[in-house]
Amino acid sequence: DLFSMAECCLIADTVQFFKDNEIPFCARNAVMDILEVIRDTHISGDFHRVVSKNLPKYVEPAPHLKEVLQNLKTANKSLIFVS
């Protein structure tokens, strides 16, 4: 699951930050805190609000996406978008 990969990268980056800066930490607590923050940020809608206010910073253009979506719409396909 790709979302788990993003979680793993965030955990790894956080642990590396603590180690690089010689900050003592409890690995279990760090992981639990990171997962809680991810969950709370998504549930509250904060993540989506921040991203939607500055799309060019967070979303890379996909030149052919509009055409693909239009073709699917024309073919009466139903879509679901997941972030």
N, C-alpha and C. Protein backbone atom coordinates (compact mmCIF):
# COMPACT_ATOMS: atom_id res chain seq x y z
N ASP A 1 0.85 -1.18 0.00
CA ASP A 1 0.00 0.00 0.00
C ASP A 1 0.89 1.24 0.00
N LEU A 2 0.62 2.14 -0.93
CA LEU A 2 1.49 3.32 -1.10
C LEU A 2 1.44 4.26 0.09
N PHE A 3 0.29 4.33 0.77
CA PHE A 3 0.20 5.21 1.93
C PHE A 3 1.14 4.73 3.02
N SER A 4 1.25 3.41 3.20
CA SER A 4 2.18 2.87 4.19
C SER A 4 3.61 3.24 3.86
N MET A 5 3.94 3.31 2.59
CA MET A 5 5.28 3.69 2.17
C MET A 5 5.57 5.12 2.59
N ALA A 6 4.61 6.01 2.42
CA ALA A 6 4.80 7.40 2.84
C ALA A 6 4.96 7.49 4.35
N GLU A 7 4.19 6.71 5.09
CA GLU A 7 4.34 6.68 6.55
C GLU A 7 5.73 6.21 6.93
N CYS A 8 6.20 5.16 6.29
CA CYS A 8 7.54 4.62 6.59
C CYS A 8 8.62 5.65 6.31
N CYS A 9 8.49 6.37 5.21
CA CYS A 9 9.48 7.41 4.87
C CYS A 9 9.47 8.52 5.91
N LEU A 10 8.29 8.94 6.36
CA LEU A 10 8.21 9.99 7.37
C LEU A 10 8.82 9.52 8.68
N ILE A 11 8.56 8.29 9.06
CA ILE A 11 9.14 7.74 10.29
C ILE A 11 10.66 7.68 10.16
N ALA A 12 11.15 7.18 9.03
CA ALA A 12 12.59 7.08 8.82
C ALA A 12 13.26 8.45 8.84
N ASP A 13 12.64 9.44 8.20
CA ASP A 13 13.19 10.80 8.20
C ASP A 13 13.23 11.38 9.60
N THR A 14 12.19 11.13 10.39
CA THR A 14 12.12 11.65 11.75
C THR A 14 13.20 11.01 12.62
N VAL A 15 13.33 9.70 12.53
CA VAL A 15 14.37 8.99 13.30
C VAL A 15 15.75 9.50 12.89
N GLN A 16 15.98 9.67 11.59
CA GLN A 16 17.28 10.17 11.12
C GLN A 16 17.55 11.57 11.66
N PHE A 17 16.52 12.42 11.68
CA PHE A 17 16.67 13.77 12.23
C PHE A 17 17.09 13.71 13.69
N PHE A 18 16.42 12.86 14.48
CA PHE A 18 16.78 12.72 15.89
C PHE A 18 18.23 12.25 16.03
N LYS A 19 18.61 11.26 15.25
CA LYS A 19 19.98 10.72 15.34
C LYS A 19 21.01 11.77 14.90
N ASP A 20 20.75 12.44 13.78
CA ASP A 20 21.70 13.44 13.27
C ASP A 20 21.91 14.57 14.26
N ASN A 21 20.87 14.90 15.01
CA ASN A 21 20.95 16.01 15.96
C ASN A 21 21.15 15.55 17.40
N GLU A 22 21.47 14.26 17.53
CA GLU A 22 21.75 13.66 18.84
C GLU A 22 20.64 13.95 19.86
N ILE A 23 19.40 13.81 19.40
CA ILE A 23 18.24 14.02 20.25
C ILE A 23 17.78 12.65 20.76
N PRO A 24 17.79 12.45 22.07
CA PRO A 24 17.32 11.16 22.59
C PRO A 24 15.82 10.99 22.33
N PHE A 25 15.41 9.78 22.00
CA PHE A 25 14.00 9.52 21.72
C PHE A 25 13.69 8.06 21.97
N CYS A 26 12.42 7.80 22.19
CA CYS A 26 11.91 6.43 22.31
C CYS A 26 11.30 6.08 20.96
N ALA A 27 11.84 5.07 20.31
CA ALA A 27 11.37 4.71 18.96
C ALA A 27 9.87 4.41 18.95
N ARG A 28 9.39 3.67 19.95
CA ARG A 28 7.96 3.32 20.00
C ARG A 28 7.11 4.59 20.09
N ASN A 29 7.48 5.50 20.97
CA ASN A 29 6.71 6.74 21.12
C ASN A 29 6.77 7.59 19.85
N ALA A 30 7.93 7.63 19.21
CA ALA A 30 8.06 8.42 17.98
C ALA A 30 7.11 7.88 16.91
N VAL A 31 7.09 6.57 16.72
CA VAL A 31 6.23 5.96 15.71
C VAL A 31 4.76 6.21 16.05
N MET A 32 4.38 6.00 17.30
CA MET A 32 2.99 6.22 17.70
C MET A 32 2.57 7.68 17.50
N ASP A 33 3.45 8.62 17.86
CA ASP A 33 3.15 10.04 17.68
C ASP A 33 2.99 10.41 16.21
N ILE A 34 3.89 9.90 15.37
CA ILE A 34 3.83 10.20 13.94
C ILE A 34 2.54 9.67 13.32
N LEU A 35 2.19 8.43 13.64
CA LEU A 35 0.96 7.85 13.09
C LEU A 35 -0.27 8.59 13.58
N GLU A 36 -0.25 9.03 14.84
CA GLU A 36 -1.38 9.79 15.38
C GLU A 36 -1.54 11.14 14.67
N VAL A 37 -0.42 11.81 14.43
CA VAL A 37 -0.47 13.10 13.75
C VAL A 37 -0.97 12.94 12.32
N ILE A 38 -0.50 11.91 11.63
CA ILE A 38 -0.97 11.66 10.27
C ILE A 38 -2.49 11.45 10.28
N ARG A 39 -2.96 10.60 11.17
CA ARG A 39 -4.39 10.31 11.27
C ARG A 39 -5.19 11.59 11.57
N ASP A 40 -4.75 12.32 12.60
CA ASP A 40 -5.48 13.52 13.01
C ASP A 40 -5.49 14.59 11.92
N THR A 41 -4.40 14.73 11.21
CA THR A 41 -4.31 15.74 10.15
C THR A 41 -5.26 15.41 9.01
N HIS A 42 -5.37 14.15 8.67
CA HIS A 42 -6.29 13.76 7.60
C HIS A 42 -7.74 13.85 8.05
N ILE A 43 -8.04 13.40 9.24
CA ILE A 43 -9.42 13.42 9.74
C ILE A 43 -9.93 14.85 9.87
N SER A 44 -9.08 15.76 10.35
CA SER A 44 -9.50 17.15 10.57
C SER A 44 -9.70 17.90 9.25
N GLY A 45 -9.08 17.40 8.18
CA GLY A 45 -9.16 18.09 6.90
C GLY A 45 -8.06 19.13 6.73
N ASP A 46 -7.21 19.30 7.75
CA ASP A 46 -6.13 20.29 7.68
C ASP A 46 -5.20 20.03 6.49
N PHE A 47 -4.85 18.79 6.29
CA PHE A 47 -3.94 18.43 5.20
C PHE A 47 -4.51 18.90 3.85
N HIS A 48 -5.76 18.58 3.62
CA HIS A 48 -6.38 18.93 2.34
C HIS A 48 -6.52 20.44 2.17
N ARG A 49 -6.82 21.14 3.25
CA ARG A 49 -6.92 22.61 3.17
C ARG A 49 -5.58 23.24 2.81
N VAL A 50 -4.50 22.77 3.45
CA VAL A 50 -3.17 23.34 3.18
C VAL A 50 -2.77 23.08 1.73
N VAL A 51 -2.95 21.86 1.27
CA VAL A 51 -2.57 21.50 -0.10
C VAL A 51 -3.40 22.27 -1.11
N SER A 52 -4.71 22.36 -0.90
CA SER A 52 -5.57 23.02 -1.88
C SER A 52 -5.31 24.52 -1.98
N LYS A 53 -4.75 25.12 -0.93
CA LYS A 53 -4.43 26.55 -0.97
C LYS A 53 -3.18 26.85 -1.80
N ASN A 54 -2.36 25.83 -2.05
CA ASN A 54 -1.12 26.05 -2.80
C ASN A 54 -0.79 24.82 -3.64
N LEU A 55 -1.69 24.49 -4.57
CA LEU A 55 -1.52 23.30 -5.40
C LEU A 55 -0.18 23.23 -6.13
N PRO A 56 0.32 24.33 -6.72
CA PRO A 56 1.59 24.22 -7.45
C PRO A 56 2.76 23.75 -6.58
N LYS A 57 2.68 24.00 -5.29
CA LYS A 57 3.76 23.57 -4.39
C LYS A 57 3.70 22.06 -4.14
N TYR A 58 2.51 21.48 -4.14
CA TYR A 58 2.34 20.10 -3.73
C TYR A 58 1.98 19.13 -4.85
N VAL A 59 1.51 19.63 -5.97
CA VAL A 59 1.04 18.76 -7.05
C VAL A 59 1.82 19.06 -8.33
N GLU A 60 2.40 18.00 -8.89
CA GLU A 60 3.12 18.15 -10.16
C GLU A 60 2.12 18.06 -11.31
N PRO A 61 2.27 18.94 -12.30
CA PRO A 61 1.35 18.90 -13.45
C PRO A 61 1.45 17.57 -14.20
N ALA A 62 0.32 17.11 -14.66
CA ALA A 62 0.24 15.91 -15.50
C ALA A 62 -0.40 16.35 -16.81
N PRO A 63 0.40 16.66 -17.81
CA PRO A 63 -0.10 17.28 -19.04
C PRO A 63 -1.27 16.56 -19.71
N HIS A 64 -1.30 15.25 -19.65
CA HIS A 64 -2.34 14.50 -20.37
C HIS A 64 -3.51 14.11 -19.47
N LEU A 65 -3.47 14.47 -18.19
CA LEU A 65 -4.52 14.05 -17.27
C LEU A 65 -5.89 14.60 -17.66
N LYS A 66 -5.94 15.87 -18.05
CA LYS A 66 -7.22 16.47 -18.42
C LYS A 66 -7.87 15.69 -19.57
N GLU A 67 -7.07 15.36 -20.58
CA GLU A 67 -7.59 14.62 -21.73
C GLU A 67 -8.08 13.23 -21.31
N VAL A 68 -7.33 12.57 -20.46
CA VAL A 68 -7.72 11.23 -19.99
C VAL A 68 -9.04 11.30 -19.23
N LEU A 69 -9.15 12.28 -18.32
CA LEU A 69 -10.37 12.42 -17.53
C LEU A 69 -11.56 12.77 -18.43
N GLN A 70 -11.33 13.62 -19.40
CA GLN A 70 -12.41 13.99 -20.32
C GLN A 70 -12.88 12.78 -21.12
N ASN A 71 -11.94 11.95 -21.57
CA ASN A 71 -12.31 10.73 -22.31
C ASN A 71 -13.12 9.78 -21.43
N LEU A 72 -12.74 9.66 -20.17
CA LEU A 72 -13.49 8.80 -19.26
C LEU A 72 -14.89 9.36 -19.02
N LYS A 73 -14.98 10.67 -18.87
CA LYS A 73 -16.29 11.30 -18.67
C LYS A 73 -17.18 11.09 -19.90
N THR A 74 -16.61 11.30 -21.07
CA THR A 74 -17.35 11.12 -22.32
C THR A 74 -17.86 9.69 -22.46
N ALA A 75 -17.08 8.74 -21.92
CA ALA A 75 -17.47 7.33 -21.98
C ALA A 75 -18.39 6.94 -20.82
N ASN A 76 -18.87 7.96 -20.06
CA ASN A 76 -19.78 7.73 -18.93
C ASN A 76 -19.19 6.81 -17.85
N LYS A 77 -17.89 6.91 -17.65
CA LYS A 77 -17.23 6.12 -16.60
C LYS A 77 -17.37 6.84 -15.27
N SER A 78 -17.48 6.08 -14.21
CA SER A 78 -17.52 6.64 -12.86
C SER A 78 -16.11 6.58 -12.28
N LEU A 79 -15.73 7.64 -11.59
CA LEU A 79 -14.38 7.72 -11.02
C LEU A 79 -14.46 8.02 -9.53
N ILE A 80 -13.44 7.58 -8.82
CA ILE A 80 -13.27 7.96 -7.43
C ILE A 80 -11.82 8.41 -7.27
N PHE A 81 -11.63 9.55 -6.65
CA PHE A 81 -10.28 10.05 -6.41
C PHE A 81 -9.93 9.83 -4.96
N VAL A 82 -8.77 9.30 -4.71
CA VAL A 82 -8.29 9.03 -3.36
C VAL A 82 -6.98 9.75 -3.17
N SER A 83 -6.88 10.46 -2.06
CA SER A 83 -5.61 11.16 -1.78
C SER A 83 -4.85 10.44 -0.70
